[in-house]
């Protein structure tokens, strides 16, 4: 299958991106890279698996043959992550066994990310939420990854994630509109700021 995909991508000049996340074996990522395909590097998961505690990787250690993104449709948005909205939503739906433990983990994960942003010189001692959103995108832009994907949800402050795995009709999966119109998106100050930073760094 990969051989056929490689051939067809070559014929059409297409770039192939593999979503090698979750339970995908490392051999799949190796096979993608061997054929010139890009893997997926998601901020929440891009960690040093060989170091104690598996800390977040600094941008200069991100995989080069990959597409860098903050999140995916099945994971928290930037604002949702910063506010632990993903924990609140799951707790409200009764999907968590230990809400307190998940809240603690969310706070720890947020602190770790802010520490990384601070270590990279992207934020000061007491960054605002907007400053964190911009800095997170700067972190992506500073990574070695070949491409960077930016989601409108992440830039305009939507706290709810587009899809909540493990739910069917308990959550409005795939039915969350952007909190701004398309015209507003084009002139949104956060969009302008993030795009300017990416243009400068990329």
Protein backbone atom coordinates (compact mmCIF):
# COMPACT_ATOMS: atom_id res chain seq x y z
CA UNK A 1 0.00 0.00 0.00
CA UNK A 2 2.80 2.41 0.85
CA UNK A 3 4.54 1.59 -2.43
CA UNK A 4 1.39 2.46 -4.40
CA UNK A 5 0.88 5.61 -2.36
CA UNK A 6 4.49 6.64 -3.00
CA UNK A 7 4.09 6.06 -6.73
CA UNK A 8 0.84 8.02 -6.98
CA UNK A 9 2.23 10.87 -4.86
CA UNK A 10 5.27 11.05 -7.15
CA UNK A 11 3.09 11.07 -10.27
CA UNK A 12 0.96 13.96 -9.02
CA UNK A 13 3.61 15.87 -7.09
CA UNK A 14 1.65 15.39 -3.87
CA UNK A 15 2.99 15.56 -0.34
CA UNK A 16 1.89 12.67 1.87
CA UNK A 17 1.32 13.13 5.59
CA UNK A 18 0.75 10.15 7.86
CA UNK A 19 -1.21 10.45 11.10
CA UNK A 20 1.08 8.20 13.11
CA UNK A 21 -0.40 9.03 16.50
CA UNK A 22 -1.76 7.00 19.38
CA UNK A 23 -1.29 3.24 19.08
CA UNK A 24 0.72 3.38 15.84
CA UNK A 25 3.93 1.34 16.06
CA UNK A 26 7.30 3.11 15.54
CA UNK A 27 7.90 0.94 12.47
CA UNK A 28 5.07 2.79 10.71
CA UNK A 29 6.78 6.15 11.22
CA UNK A 30 10.07 4.68 9.99
CA UNK A 31 8.32 3.33 6.89
CA UNK A 32 6.78 6.74 6.18
CA UNK A 33 10.13 8.49 6.51
CA UNK A 34 11.90 5.90 4.37
CA UNK A 35 9.53 6.85 1.55
CA UNK A 36 9.85 10.61 1.97
CA UNK A 37 6.48 10.97 3.70
CA UNK A 38 5.88 13.24 6.68
CA UNK A 39 4.75 12.05 10.08
CA UNK A 40 2.68 14.00 12.61
CA UNK A 41 4.24 15.94 15.49
CA UNK A 42 1.61 17.19 17.94
CA UNK A 43 2.73 19.52 20.73
CA UNK A 44 0.99 17.63 23.52
CA UNK A 45 2.78 14.38 22.48
CA UNK A 46 6.18 15.55 21.24
CA UNK A 47 8.28 14.38 24.15
CA UNK A 48 11.69 12.94 24.93
CA UNK A 49 10.70 9.30 25.47
CA UNK A 50 14.23 8.42 26.61
CA UNK A 51 14.46 10.99 29.42
CA UNK A 52 13.06 10.54 32.94
CA UNK A 53 9.51 11.87 33.08
CA UNK A 54 9.39 12.16 29.26
CA UNK A 55 9.60 15.99 29.13
CA UNK A 56 8.34 18.10 26.24
CA UNK A 57 10.93 18.46 23.48
CA UNK A 58 12.38 21.91 22.74
CA UNK A 59 11.71 23.04 19.16
CA UNK A 60 15.23 22.29 17.92
CA UNK A 61 14.71 18.63 18.85
CA UNK A 62 11.38 18.17 17.05
CA UNK A 63 11.37 15.69 14.16
CA UNK A 64 12.31 17.32 10.87
CA UNK A 65 10.37 15.00 8.58
CA UNK A 66 7.03 15.89 10.13
CA UNK A 67 4.09 18.27 10.20
CA UNK A 68 4.02 20.23 13.46
CA UNK A 69 0.69 21.16 15.04
CA UNK A 70 -0.54 22.17 18.46
CA UNK A 71 -3.37 19.68 18.56
CA UNK A 72 -5.81 17.62 16.50
CA UNK A 73 -9.59 17.50 16.23
CA UNK A 74 -9.67 14.83 18.98
CA UNK A 75 -7.58 16.82 21.47
CA UNK A 76 -7.93 20.08 23.43
CA UNK A 77 -7.57 23.38 21.65
CA UNK A 78 -4.92 25.75 22.98
CA UNK A 79 -7.45 27.67 25.07
CA UNK A 80 -9.10 24.46 26.19
CA UNK A 81 -5.74 23.08 27.30
CA UNK A 82 -4.79 26.25 29.16
CA UNK A 83 -8.15 26.32 30.97
CA UNK A 84 -8.38 22.52 31.43
CA UNK A 85 -11.67 22.58 29.54
CA UNK A 86 -11.03 19.02 28.33
CA UNK A 87 -11.09 17.83 31.94
CA UNK A 88 -14.20 19.84 32.81
CA UNK A 89 -16.12 18.56 29.77
CA UNK A 90 -15.26 14.92 30.45
CA UNK A 91 -16.02 15.28 34.16
CA UNK A 92 -19.40 16.84 33.40
CA UNK A 93 -20.24 13.87 31.16
CA UNK A 94 -19.10 11.32 33.73
CA UNK A 95 -16.24 10.05 31.57
CA UNK A 96 -13.52 10.32 34.24
CA UNK A 97 -12.78 7.88 37.04
CA UNK A 98 -10.73 10.33 39.10
CA UNK A 99 -11.53 13.97 38.34
CA UNK A 100 -9.08 15.33 40.91
CA UNK A 101 -6.21 13.33 39.40
CA UNK A 102 -7.05 14.57 35.91
CA UNK A 103 -7.26 18.16 37.14
CA UNK A 104 -3.86 17.79 38.79
CA UNK A 105 -2.36 16.32 35.61
CA UNK A 106 -3.84 19.15 33.52
CA UNK A 107 -2.29 21.74 35.86
CA UNK A 108 1.07 19.94 35.76
CA UNK A 109 0.99 19.72 31.96
CA UNK A 110 0.15 23.42 31.68
CA UNK A 111 2.98 24.38 34.04
CA UNK A 112 5.43 22.21 32.06
CA UNK A 113 4.44 23.90 28.81
CA UNK A 114 4.74 27.39 30.29
CA UNK A 115 8.17 26.46 31.68
CA UNK A 116 9.27 25.35 28.20
CA UNK A 117 7.99 28.57 26.62
CA UNK A 118 9.84 30.55 29.28
CA UNK A 119 13.04 28.55 28.75
CA UNK A 120 12.81 29.31 25.02
CA UNK A 121 12.48 33.03 25.76
CA UNK A 122 8.94 33.21 24.35
CA UNK A 123 7.12 34.43 27.48
CA UNK A 124 7.91 36.28 30.67
CA UNK A 125 7.12 35.45 34.28
CA UNK A 126 3.36 36.02 34.23
CA UNK A 127 2.11 35.62 30.64
CA UNK A 128 -1.49 36.32 29.74
CA UNK A 129 -3.57 33.72 27.95
CA UNK A 130 -3.22 35.60 24.64
CA UNK A 131 0.56 35.77 25.10
CA UNK A 132 0.63 32.01 25.69
CA UNK A 133 -1.41 31.36 22.54
CA UNK A 134 1.03 33.41 20.45
CA UNK A 135 4.08 31.86 22.14
CA UNK A 136 2.81 28.33 21.55
CA UNK A 137 2.55 29.05 17.84
CA UNK A 138 6.00 30.63 17.87
CA UNK A 139 7.28 27.41 19.42
CA UNK A 140 5.84 25.45 16.51
CA UNK A 141 7.29 27.88 14.00
CA UNK A 142 10.73 27.54 15.61
CA UNK A 143 10.63 23.75 15.34
CA UNK A 144 12.66 21.80 12.80
CA UNK A 145 9.51 20.26 11.35
CA UNK A 146 9.08 20.72 7.62
CA UNK A 147 5.52 22.06 7.82
CA UNK A 148 3.46 23.82 10.48
CA UNK A 149 -0.33 23.59 10.68
CA UNK A 150 -2.38 26.25 12.45
CA UNK A 151 -6.03 25.68 13.37
CA UNK A 152 -8.41 28.67 13.56
CA UNK A 153 -9.91 27.21 16.76
CA UNK A 154 -6.53 27.54 18.44
CA UNK A 155 -5.98 31.16 17.47
CA UNK A 156 -9.38 32.71 18.14
CA UNK A 157 -9.88 31.35 21.65
CA UNK A 158 -12.33 28.47 21.20
CA UNK A 159 -12.09 26.39 24.38
CA UNK A 160 -14.14 23.38 23.22
CA UNK A 161 -12.45 20.70 21.16
CA UNK A 162 -14.14 19.81 17.86
CA UNK A 163 -14.59 16.12 18.73
CA UNK A 164 -14.68 14.39 22.10
CA UNK A 165 -13.68 10.73 21.69
CA UNK A 166 -15.81 8.31 23.66
CA UNK A 167 -19.02 10.26 23.04
CA UNK A 168 -21.78 9.96 20.46
CA UNK A 169 -24.70 12.23 21.27
CA UNK A 170 -23.54 13.54 24.67
CA UNK A 171 -21.32 16.20 23.05
CA UNK A 172 -21.79 18.30 19.88
CA UNK A 173 -19.07 16.50 17.91
CA UNK A 174 -18.24 18.14 14.58
CA UNK A 175 -20.95 20.73 15.15
CA UNK A 176 -19.02 23.52 16.86
CA UNK A 177 -18.85 26.61 14.63
CA UNK A 178 -15.99 29.04 14.95
CA UNK A 179 -16.85 31.75 17.49
CA UNK A 180 -16.22 34.37 14.79
CA UNK A 181 -17.49 34.86 11.24
CA UNK A 182 -15.18 34.35 8.25
CA UNK A 183 -14.97 38.13 7.78
CA UNK A 184 -14.05 38.54 11.45
CA UNK A 185 -11.48 35.76 11.14
CA UNK A 186 -9.68 37.66 8.38
CA UNK A 187 -9.26 40.74 10.57
CA UNK A 188 -9.01 39.07 13.99
CA UNK A 189 -6.08 40.61 15.93
CA UNK A 190 -4.86 37.24 17.23
CA UNK A 191 -4.88 35.77 13.72
CA UNK A 192 -2.86 38.74 12.47
CA UNK A 193 -0.38 38.40 15.34
CA UNK A 194 0.13 34.64 14.94
CA UNK A 195 0.48 34.89 11.16
CA UNK A 196 3.03 37.70 11.52
CA UNK A 197 5.12 35.65 13.93
CA UNK A 198 5.00 32.60 11.67
CA UNK A 199 6.01 34.64 8.64
CA UNK A 200 8.94 36.06 10.54
CA UNK A 201 10.15 32.69 11.84
CA UNK A 202 9.39 30.64 8.74
